Amino acid sequence: MQKIKGTALVWYRNDLRISDHYSLFHASKSHEKIIAYYSFDPKQFSETRWGFKKTESFRAQFLIETVQQLQQDLATKNISLIIEHKDPAESIPHWIESEKIETLYFQKEWTKEERLVEDALRKNISTEVKIHSAYDQFLFHPEDISMSLDELPEVFTNFRKQCEKNSTVRACYLEVQQQEASNMLLKTYVCPTLEDLGLTESSSHPNSAFPFKGGSKAAKERISHYFWETKKLSFYKNTRNGLLGLDYSSKLSAWLGNGSLSAREIYWEVRKYESDIKKNQSTYWLIFELIWRDYFKFISLKHQDAIFHLGGILDKSYTWENSSKTFNSWVNGRTREPFVNANMLELKKTGWMSNRGRQNVASFFAKELYMDWRMGAAYFESQLIDYDVHSNYGNWMYIAGVGNDPRDRKFNIRSQAERYDTNGKFQQLWNQQNLFE
């Protein structure tokens, strides 16, 4: 393919990597010069209607590290990354004009906030600028599943079985070649600090189950450790409900969340592991969890903004509470349930919580406190290092009884604590934190 004599701009969103990257791959194939762009959109660091920041320090710090790593990785390809703390819908048009951008590439998003930014951007740029956007965050590409969105099952198992039977995972895109050095911009852009974003510094807690850095390099180091060095992947199904330590689960969700890794990269690494080391229920279960992640993306694609509505995708009507006193007791680990408290304190102090913990604290919030589940989802969005809009709101709807759980279950917190924290070590570790506050 002959390259166009012109410049392409790759707008980075939740796809902060250079490997297996649709936009970067296609821009490099078609254009002589590539410039990349990322903005820490101020709206993402504003205060929510619930009275706390939309993005807090732990998630923001991980994001800063991720963008810094992306900048380094792009530089090895002689591609400049413009980094700003501005509304991208207002700022990108400036760069399109000043750098004579002919084509704009970006990952297609469909949730409300991302959609509004894209709509505003399209209105602000010339119709002469070509736009290429594509879905690049799925395991199974929407074009490759054997059902329309209207036919998408409302029960996960039916979706999984159809995908496993009828769909395949695409190969990863090749990494781009090094560009001409003369294409680099003269200025090197610097990431904002937490203070610049209106946040306070967050130090790593010594008991954190997620002490890892952001960025693709750290992501691939984690895969190397969990798959190849320790072979913990072979035991994933047995340990995934753990609460303590670094290796009870893969922890890959954080890098998946902001696109430092793609689902396809993980999938094909699992397949390589199965071929070279061992194939068992645990290796399958990690793929199973990737399919769950995909399912929530397809559910949000099908139901759109309903995933943010109080009645959820089922449009169910319950009586919900919104007491700030009750909410704060949950946030600060001062409820009647020690297991809930321990998990909430872990989240508050580290930005991390196990999958088992998330299900329990959400069930307690929605099914025992009868609190507006969207408050809980928004707090998770603020705190969780591995926040992903589709999985977060999909799981909260599921737990709250307004989503994809046909059984509308309620967790028995005491029973869960006895089963998963039999000796009480996890609760003792975190609940003692409250004694010093």
Protein backbone atom coordinates (compact mmCIF):
# COMPACT_ATOMS: atom_id res chain seq x y z
CA MET A 1 0.00 0.00 0.00
CA GLN A 2 1.35 3.39 -0.99
CA LYS A 3 1.51 5.89 1.85
CA ILE A 4 -0.36 9.16 1.66
CA LYS A 5 1.82 12.25 1.75
CA GLY A 6 0.25 13.68 4.82
CA THR A 7 -0.07 13.56 8.58
CA ALA A 8 -2.37 11.39 10.70
CA LEU A 9 -3.35 12.10 14.29
CA VAL A 10 -3.98 9.14 16.59
CA TRP A 11 -6.22 10.21 19.45
CA TYR A 12 -5.59 7.93 22.41
CA ARG A 13 -8.52 7.17 24.73
CA ASN A 14 -8.79 3.87 26.65
CA ASP A 15 -6.24 2.15 24.39
CA LEU A 16 -2.93 3.30 25.89
CA ARG A 17 -0.48 0.97 24.17
CA ILE A 18 1.49 0.64 20.93
CA SER A 19 1.11 -3.14 20.46
CA ASP A 20 -2.01 -4.70 18.91
CA HIS A 21 -3.41 -1.25 18.21
CA TYR A 22 -5.84 -0.74 15.32
CA SER A 23 -5.45 3.01 14.95
CA LEU A 24 -1.67 3.12 15.16
CA PHE A 25 -1.30 0.16 12.81
CA HIS A 26 -3.56 1.60 10.13
CA ALA A 27 -2.20 5.14 10.47
CA SER A 28 1.34 3.85 9.97
CA LYS A 29 0.31 1.86 6.90
CA SER A 30 -1.33 4.83 5.24
CA HIS A 31 0.53 8.00 6.24
CA GLU A 32 4.08 9.30 6.08
CA LYS A 33 3.82 11.08 9.43
CA ILE A 34 1.98 10.20 12.65
CA ILE A 35 1.35 12.35 15.70
CA ALA A 36 -0.34 10.93 18.82
CA TYR A 37 -2.52 12.80 21.29
CA TYR A 38 -3.83 12.20 24.81
CA SER A 39 -5.64 14.55 27.16
CA PHE A 40 -6.39 14.26 30.84
CA ASP A 41 -9.90 15.60 30.28
CA PRO A 42 -10.75 17.92 33.22
CA LYS A 43 -14.30 16.53 33.29
CA GLN A 44 -12.87 13.20 34.42
CA PHE A 45 -11.38 14.83 37.52
CA SER A 46 -14.36 16.96 38.52
CA GLU A 47 -16.65 16.36 41.48
CA THR A 48 -19.58 13.98 41.05
CA ARG A 49 -23.11 14.72 42.17
CA TRP A 50 -22.44 12.40 45.10
CA GLY A 51 -19.78 14.75 46.51
CA PHE A 52 -16.49 13.00 45.67
CA LYS A 53 -14.06 13.18 42.77
CA LYS A 54 -14.90 11.27 39.60
CA THR A 55 -11.32 10.00 39.49
CA GLU A 56 -9.32 9.82 42.69
CA SER A 57 -5.59 9.56 43.34
CA PHE A 58 -4.92 5.82 43.00
CA ARG A 59 -6.54 5.48 39.59
CA ALA A 60 -5.13 8.82 38.44
CA GLN A 61 -1.58 7.88 39.46
CA PHE A 62 -1.85 4.60 37.54
CA LEU A 63 -3.10 6.55 34.53
CA ILE A 64 -0.23 9.06 34.74
CA GLU A 65 2.30 6.20 34.82
CA THR A 66 0.54 4.58 31.88
CA VAL A 67 0.67 7.72 29.73
CA GLN A 68 4.33 8.28 30.64
CA GLN A 69 5.12 4.73 29.51
CA LEU A 70 3.10 5.24 26.32
CA GLN A 71 5.09 8.38 25.57
CA GLN A 72 8.35 6.45 25.95
CA ASP A 73 7.11 3.58 23.79
CA LEU A 74 5.94 5.92 21.04
CA ALA A 75 9.25 7.77 21.15
CA THR A 76 11.06 4.52 20.25
CA LYS A 77 8.99 4.63 17.04
CA ASN A 78 9.79 8.32 16.51
CA ILE A 79 6.17 9.27 17.19
CA SER A 80 5.47 12.28 19.41
CA LEU A 81 2.73 12.15 22.03
CA ILE A 82 1.03 15.47 22.75
CA ILE A 83 -0.15 15.42 26.38
CA GLU A 84 -2.63 17.98 27.65
CA HIS A 85 -5.03 18.70 30.49
CA LYS A 86 -7.80 20.16 28.34
CA ASP A 87 -11.12 19.27 26.79
CA PRO A 88 -10.06 17.17 23.76
CA ALA A 89 -13.11 18.31 21.79
CA GLU A 90 -11.78 21.87 22.03
CA SER A 91 -8.06 21.14 21.77
CA ILE A 92 -7.78 18.53 19.01
CA PRO A 93 -9.15 20.95 16.35
CA HIS A 94 -6.26 23.28 17.16
CA TRP A 95 -3.73 20.51 16.47
CA ILE A 96 -5.52 19.43 13.34
CA GLU A 97 -5.14 22.95 12.01
CA SER A 98 -1.61 23.69 13.20
CA GLU A 99 -0.14 20.34 12.12
CA LYS A 100 -2.21 20.11 8.91
CA ILE A 101 -3.75 16.81 9.96
CA GLU A 102 -5.53 15.04 7.13
CA THR A 103 -6.84 11.97 8.97
CA LEU A 104 -7.93 11.37 12.56
CA TYR A 105 -7.86 7.87 14.05
CA PHE A 106 -9.36 6.78 17.36
CA GLN A 107 -10.94 3.89 19.23
CA LYS A 108 -14.72 3.87 19.01
CA GLU A 109 -16.49 4.34 22.34
CA TRP A 110 -20.24 4.32 22.92
CA THR A 111 -20.90 5.13 26.57
CA LYS A 112 -22.45 8.51 27.25
CA GLU A 113 -19.52 10.69 28.34
CA GLU A 114 -17.18 9.40 25.66
CA ARG A 115 -19.90 9.76 23.04
CA LEU A 116 -20.55 13.38 23.99
CA VAL A 117 -16.84 14.23 23.64
CA GLU A 118 -16.70 12.61 20.21
CA ASP A 119 -19.89 14.35 19.05
CA ALA A 120 -18.53 17.74 20.15
CA LEU A 121 -15.21 17.06 18.45
CA ARG A 122 -16.85 16.13 15.15
CA LYS A 123 -18.75 19.43 15.21
CA ASN A 124 -15.53 21.36 15.80
CA ILE A 125 -13.44 20.00 12.93
CA SER A 126 -13.61 20.47 9.20
CA THR A 127 -15.55 17.96 7.16
CA GLU A 128 -12.45 17.68 4.97
CA VAL A 129 -10.66 15.80 7.76
CA LYS A 130 -11.08 12.06 7.30
CA ILE A 131 -12.12 10.17 10.43
CA HIS A 132 -11.40 6.50 11.09
CA SER A 133 -12.81 5.01 14.28
CA ALA A 134 -13.07 1.32 15.11
CA TYR A 135 -13.95 -1.04 17.93
CA ASP A 136 -10.66 -2.18 19.42
CA GLN A 137 -11.41 -3.24 22.99
CA PHE A 138 -13.28 -6.51 22.49
CA LEU A 139 -12.08 -10.09 22.62
CA PHE A 140 -14.65 -11.08 19.99
CA HIS A 141 -15.04 -8.25 17.49
CA PRO A 142 -18.70 -7.21 17.04
CA GLU A 143 -18.46 -8.17 13.38
CA ASP A 144 -17.41 -11.70 14.34
CA ILE A 145 -20.21 -12.78 16.68
CA SER A 146 -23.04 -14.83 15.20
CA MET A 147 -25.85 -12.62 16.49
CA SER A 148 -27.12 -9.09 16.11
CA LEU A 149 -27.26 -6.76 19.09
CA ASP A 150 -31.02 -7.24 19.23
CA GLU A 151 -30.45 -10.99 19.51
CA LEU A 152 -27.82 -10.65 22.23
CA PRO A 153 -28.80 -12.96 25.11
CA GLU A 154 -29.63 -11.38 28.47
CA VAL A 155 -27.98 -14.33 30.22
CA PHE A 156 -24.19 -14.64 30.09
CA THR A 157 -24.03 -18.44 29.67
CA ASN A 158 -25.99 -18.30 26.43
CA PHE A 159 -23.70 -15.57 25.09
CA ARG A 160 -20.56 -17.49 26.08
CA LYS A 161 -21.70 -20.74 24.48
CA GLN A 162 -22.59 -19.03 21.21
CA CYS A 163 -19.24 -17.20 21.07
CA GLU A 164 -17.23 -20.30 21.92
CA LYS A 165 -19.07 -22.31 19.26
CA ASN A 166 -19.35 -19.79 16.43
CA SER A 167 -16.74 -17.04 16.87
CA THR A 168 -12.97 -16.74 16.73
CA VAL A 169 -10.55 -14.25 18.23
CA ARG A 170 -8.68 -12.16 15.69
CA ALA A 171 -4.90 -12.12 15.49
CA CYS A 172 -3.10 -9.20 17.10
CA TYR A 173 -2.05 -6.27 14.92
CA LEU A 174 1.64 -6.10 14.21
CA GLU A 175 3.64 -3.46 16.04
CA VAL A 176 4.35 -0.38 13.93
CA GLN A 177 7.70 0.21 12.27
CA GLN A 178 9.97 3.02 13.40
CA GLN A 179 9.02 6.27 11.65
CA GLU A 180 11.36 8.89 10.21
CA ALA A 181 13.13 10.72 13.05
CA SER A 182 12.43 14.04 11.34
CA ASN A 183 8.72 13.50 12.04
CA MET A 184 9.13 14.12 15.76
CA LEU A 185 7.75 17.36 17.18
CA LEU A 186 10.30 19.74 18.67
CA LYS A 187 8.63 19.89 22.06
CA THR A 188 8.38 17.01 24.53
CA TYR A 189 5.15 17.15 26.52
CA VAL A 190 4.97 16.45 30.26
CA CYS A 191 2.21 14.61 32.10
CA PRO A 192 0.25 16.59 34.68
CA THR A 193 0.91 15.71 38.30
CA LEU A 194 -1.74 14.65 40.79
CA GLU A 195 -1.63 18.19 42.13
CA ASP A 196 -2.25 19.53 38.62
CA LEU A 197 -5.33 17.32 38.47
CA GLY A 198 -6.59 18.67 41.80
CA LEU A 199 -5.70 15.50 43.72
CA THR A 200 -3.49 14.70 46.68
CA GLU A 201 -0.48 12.38 46.60
CA SER A 202 -1.22 8.74 47.36
CA SER A 203 1.54 6.58 48.79
CA SER A 204 1.61 2.85 48.17
CA HIS A 205 0.25 0.90 51.14
CA PRO A 206 2.57 -1.89 52.41
CA ASN A 207 -0.34 -4.35 52.46
CA SER A 208 -1.60 -3.58 48.96
CA ALA A 209 -2.47 -6.58 46.80
CA PHE A 210 -1.82 -4.36 43.79
CA PRO A 211 1.52 -2.54 44.18
CA PHE A 212 2.13 -2.45 40.43
CA LYS A 213 2.90 0.45 38.09
CA GLY A 214 0.84 1.59 35.13
CA GLY A 215 1.82 1.06 31.52
CA SER A 216 2.38 -1.68 28.96
CA LYS A 217 5.87 -2.52 30.22
CA ALA A 218 4.59 -3.33 33.71
CA ALA A 219 1.66 -5.22 32.16
CA LYS A 220 3.95 -7.48 30.18
CA GLU A 221 6.20 -7.99 33.20
CA ARG A 222 3.12 -9.12 35.11
CA ILE A 223 2.20 -11.63 32.39
CA SER A 224 5.78 -12.89 32.38
CA HIS A 225 5.65 -13.38 36.15
CA TYR A 226 2.16 -14.87 36.46
CA PHE A 227 2.32 -17.08 33.39
CA TRP A 228 5.88 -18.06 32.65
CA GLU A 229 8.05 -17.53 35.75
CA THR A 230 5.74 -18.83 38.50
CA LYS A 231 3.20 -20.70 36.33
CA LYS A 232 0.48 -19.40 38.66
CA LEU A 233 -1.87 -19.41 35.68
CA SER A 234 -2.13 -23.19 36.08
CA PHE A 235 -3.83 -22.66 39.47
CA TYR A 236 -5.93 -19.58 38.69
CA LYS A 237 -9.34 -21.27 39.03
CA ASN A 238 -8.47 -22.50 42.52
CA THR A 239 -7.01 -19.24 43.83
CA ARG A 240 -9.09 -16.55 42.05
CA ASN A 241 -11.38 -16.03 45.07
CA GLY A 242 -8.44 -15.16 47.30
CA LEU A 243 -8.13 -11.98 49.35
CA LEU A 244 -4.48 -11.67 50.37
CA GLY A 245 -1.24 -11.47 48.40
CA LEU A 246 -0.13 -10.63 44.90
CA ASP A 247 -0.80 -13.86 43.04
CA TYR A 248 -4.26 -15.10 43.99
CA SER A 249 -5.41 -13.66 40.65
CA SER A 250 -3.79 -12.41 37.47
CA LYS A 251 -4.39 -8.71 38.34
CA LEU A 252 -4.41 -7.98 34.60
CA SER A 253 -7.72 -6.09 34.83
CA ALA A 254 -5.99 -2.80 35.66
CA TRP A 255 -3.96 -2.76 32.45
CA LEU A 256 -6.95 -4.01 30.49
CA GLY A 257 -9.03 -1.19 31.97
CA ASN A 258 -7.09 1.63 30.33
CA GLY A 259 -5.92 -0.39 27.36
CA SER A 260 -2.27 -0.92 28.29
CA LEU A 261 -3.00 -4.49 27.25
CA SER A 262 -5.58 -5.77 24.81
CA ALA A 263 -7.86 -8.71 25.50
CA ARG A 264 -6.49 -10.34 22.35
CA GLU A 265 -2.92 -10.12 23.64
CA ILE A 266 -3.88 -11.92 26.84
CA TYR A 267 -5.95 -14.51 24.97
CA TRP A 268 -3.15 -15.48 22.62
CA GLU A 269 -0.63 -15.56 25.47
CA VAL A 270 -2.91 -18.00 27.31
CA ARG A 271 -3.12 -20.13 24.16
CA LYS A 272 0.68 -20.13 23.91
CA TYR A 273 0.91 -21.15 27.58
CA GLU A 274 -1.54 -23.98 26.96
CA SER A 275 0.57 -25.15 24.03
CA ASP A 276 3.96 -24.82 25.76
CA ILE A 277 3.22 -25.54 29.43
CA LYS A 278 -0.23 -26.87 30.32
CA LYS A 279 -3.88 -26.63 29.37
CA ASN A 280 -6.37 -27.10 32.19
CA GLN A 281 -9.48 -25.62 33.82
CA SER A 282 -7.47 -22.67 35.13
CA THR A 283 -6.19 -21.59 31.73
CA TYR A 284 -9.72 -21.87 30.37
CA TRP A 285 -11.05 -19.86 33.30
CA LEU A 286 -8.93 -16.83 32.51
CA ILE A 287 -10.40 -16.86 28.99
CA PHE A 288 -13.82 -17.36 30.57
CA GLU A 289 -13.29 -14.13 32.54
CA LEU A 290 -12.26 -12.30 29.35
CA ILE A 291 -15.56 -13.42 27.80
CA TRP A 292 -17.43 -12.04 30.85
CA ARG A 293 -15.64 -8.73 30.25
CA ASP A 294 -16.70 -8.84 26.60
CA TYR A 295 -20.28 -9.63 27.59
CA PHE A 296 -20.65 -6.46 29.66
CA LYS A 297 -19.27 -4.44 26.74
CA PHE A 298 -21.86 -5.97 24.42
CA ILE A 299 -24.61 -5.38 27.00
CA SER A 300 -23.73 -1.69 27.21
CA LEU A 301 -23.51 -1.51 23.42
CA LYS A 302 -27.01 -3.02 23.20
CA HIS A 303 -28.68 -1.09 26.02
CA GLN A 304 -26.66 2.14 25.78
CA ASP A 305 -27.41 4.66 28.58
CA ALA A 306 -29.80 2.29 30.38
CA ILE A 307 -26.77 0.86 32.20
CA PHE A 308 -26.58 4.16 34.12
CA HIS A 309 -30.29 4.35 34.97
CA LEU A 310 -31.58 3.52 38.43
CA GLY A 311 -33.85 0.81 37.02
CA GLY A 312 -31.00 -0.61 34.97
CA ILE A 313 -31.54 -2.53 31.75
CA LEU A 314 -34.57 -4.26 33.30
CA ASP A 315 -36.22 -0.94 34.13
CA LYS A 316 -37.09 -2.36 37.55
CA SER A 317 -38.57 -0.13 40.22
CA TYR A 318 -37.28 -0.50 43.77
CA THR A 319 -37.28 1.91 46.69
CA TRP A 320 -33.69 3.09 47.11
CA GLU A 321 -32.11 5.15 49.89
CA ASN A 322 -29.43 7.83 49.48
CA SER A 323 -28.46 8.68 53.06
CA SER A 324 -25.03 10.34 53.15
CA LYS A 325 -24.50 9.00 56.68
CA THR A 326 -25.10 5.41 55.55
CA PHE A 327 -22.97 5.93 52.47
CA ASN A 328 -20.05 7.30 54.49
CA SER A 329 -20.21 4.44 56.96
CA TRP A 330 -19.89 2.02 54.03
CA VAL A 331 -17.05 4.00 52.42
CA ASN A 332 -15.09 4.24 55.68
CA GLY A 333 -15.55 0.63 56.76
CA ARG A 334 -17.85 1.32 59.71
CA THR A 335 -20.83 -0.92 58.98
CA ARG A 336 -22.16 -3.82 61.06
CA GLU A 337 -20.29 -6.34 58.88
CA PRO A 338 -16.53 -6.79 59.56
CA PHE A 339 -15.99 -8.48 56.18
CA VAL A 340 -17.54 -5.55 54.33
CA ASN A 341 -15.51 -3.11 56.42
CA ALA A 342 -12.22 -4.85 55.68
CA ASN A 343 -12.83 -4.80 51.95
CA MET A 344 -13.92 -1.16 51.94
CA LEU A 345 -10.83 -0.14 53.90
CA GLU A 346 -8.62 -2.00 51.46
CA LEU A 347 -10.24 -0.07 48.61
CA LYS A 348 -9.94 3.27 50.38
CA LYS A 349 -6.27 2.79 51.22
CA THR A 350 -5.00 1.01 48.09
CA GLY A 351 -7.41 1.52 45.18
CA TRP A 352 -7.81 -2.26 44.93
CA MET A 353 -10.35 -4.87 46.03
CA SER A 354 -10.67 -8.55 45.15
CA ASN A 355 -13.49 -9.81 42.97
CA ARG A 356 -14.93 -11.67 45.95
CA GLY A 357 -14.84 -8.51 48.02
CA ARG A 358 -16.53 -6.44 45.32
CA GLN A 359 -19.46 -8.80 45.09
CA ASN A 360 -19.98 -8.80 48.83
CA VAL A 361 -19.72 -5.07 49.47
CA ALA A 362 -21.99 -4.32 46.50
CA SER A 363 -24.59 -6.85 47.63
CA PHE A 364 -24.52 -5.41 51.14
CA PHE A 365 -24.86 -1.87 49.80
CA ALA A 366 -27.78 -2.62 47.49
CA LYS A 367 -29.57 -5.55 49.13
CA GLU A 368 -29.15 -4.82 52.85
CA LEU A 369 -28.68 -1.07 53.05
CA TYR A 370 -31.04 -0.54 50.07
CA MET A 371 -28.81 2.29 48.87
CA ASP A 372 -28.97 3.69 45.33
CA TRP A 373 -26.58 1.29 43.60
CA ARG A 374 -25.33 4.07 41.29
CA MET A 375 -23.69 5.75 44.30
CA GLY A 376 -21.70 2.60 44.94
CA ALA A 377 -20.81 2.26 41.25
CA ALA A 378 -19.65 5.89 41.13
CA TYR A 379 -17.49 5.38 44.23
CA PHE A 380 -15.89 2.32 42.63
CA GLU A 381 -15.29 4.42 39.51
CA SER A 382 -13.51 7.01 41.64
CA GLN A 383 -11.30 4.58 43.54
CA LEU A 384 -10.62 1.43 41.54
CA ILE A 385 -7.31 1.32 39.71
CA ASP A 386 -8.81 -1.21 37.29
CA TYR A 387 -12.03 0.71 36.61
CA ASP A 388 -13.74 -0.18 33.36
CA VAL A 389 -17.08 1.52 32.69
CA HIS A 390 -18.76 -1.54 31.16
CA SER A 391 -17.66 -4.09 33.77
CA ASN A 392 -18.23 -1.71 36.66
CA TYR A 393 -21.79 -0.72 35.81
CA GLY A 394 -22.59 -4.18 34.42
CA ASN A 395 -21.53 -5.86 37.66
CA TRP A 396 -23.32 -3.31 39.85
CA MET A 397 -26.56 -3.76 37.90
CA TYR A 398 -26.13 -7.52 38.16
CA ILE A 399 -25.71 -7.41 41.94
CA ALA A 400 -28.45 -4.82 42.47
CA GLY A 401 -31.04 -6.94 40.66
CA VAL A 402 -31.53 -4.59 37.70
CA GLY A 403 -29.12 -6.28 35.28
CA ASN A 404 -28.20 -9.69 33.91
CA ASP A 405 -28.65 -11.96 36.93
CA PRO A 406 -31.80 -14.05 36.35
CA ARG A 407 -31.71 -15.24 39.99
CA ASP A 408 -31.43 -11.82 41.67
CA ARG A 409 -29.22 -13.20 44.43
CA LYS A 410 -28.30 -11.71 47.77
CA PHE A 411 -24.99 -12.62 49.37
CA ASN A 412 -24.89 -14.00 52.91
CA ILE A 413 -21.99 -11.86 54.13
CA ARG A 414 -21.21 -13.89 57.27
CA SER A 415 -21.20 -17.14 55.31
CA GLN A 416 -18.97 -15.61 52.63
CA ALA A 417 -16.52 -14.38 55.26
CA GLU A 418 -16.34 -17.81 56.88
CA ARG A 419 -15.78 -19.48 53.53
CA TYR A 420 -13.23 -17.11 51.98
CA ASP A 421 -11.55 -15.67 55.09
CA THR A 422 -11.73 -18.76 57.29
CA ASN A 423 -8.99 -17.74 59.71
CA GLY A 424 -9.99 -14.06 59.67
CA LYS A 425 -6.54 -12.88 58.50
CA PHE A 426 -7.91 -10.53 55.87
CA GLN A 427 -10.40 -8.92 58.23
CA GLN A 428 -7.79 -8.59 60.96
CA LEU A 429 -5.30 -7.00 58.55
CA TRP A 430 -7.64 -4.25 57.39
CA ASN A 431 -10.05 -3.70 60.25
CA GLN A 432 -7.21 -2.88 62.60
CA GLN A 433 -6.67 0.19 60.39
CA ASN A 434 -9.81 1.74 61.91
CA LEU A 435 -8.31 1.51 65.38
CA PHE A 436 -5.73 4.15 64.45
CA GLU A 437 -8.11 6.68 62.88
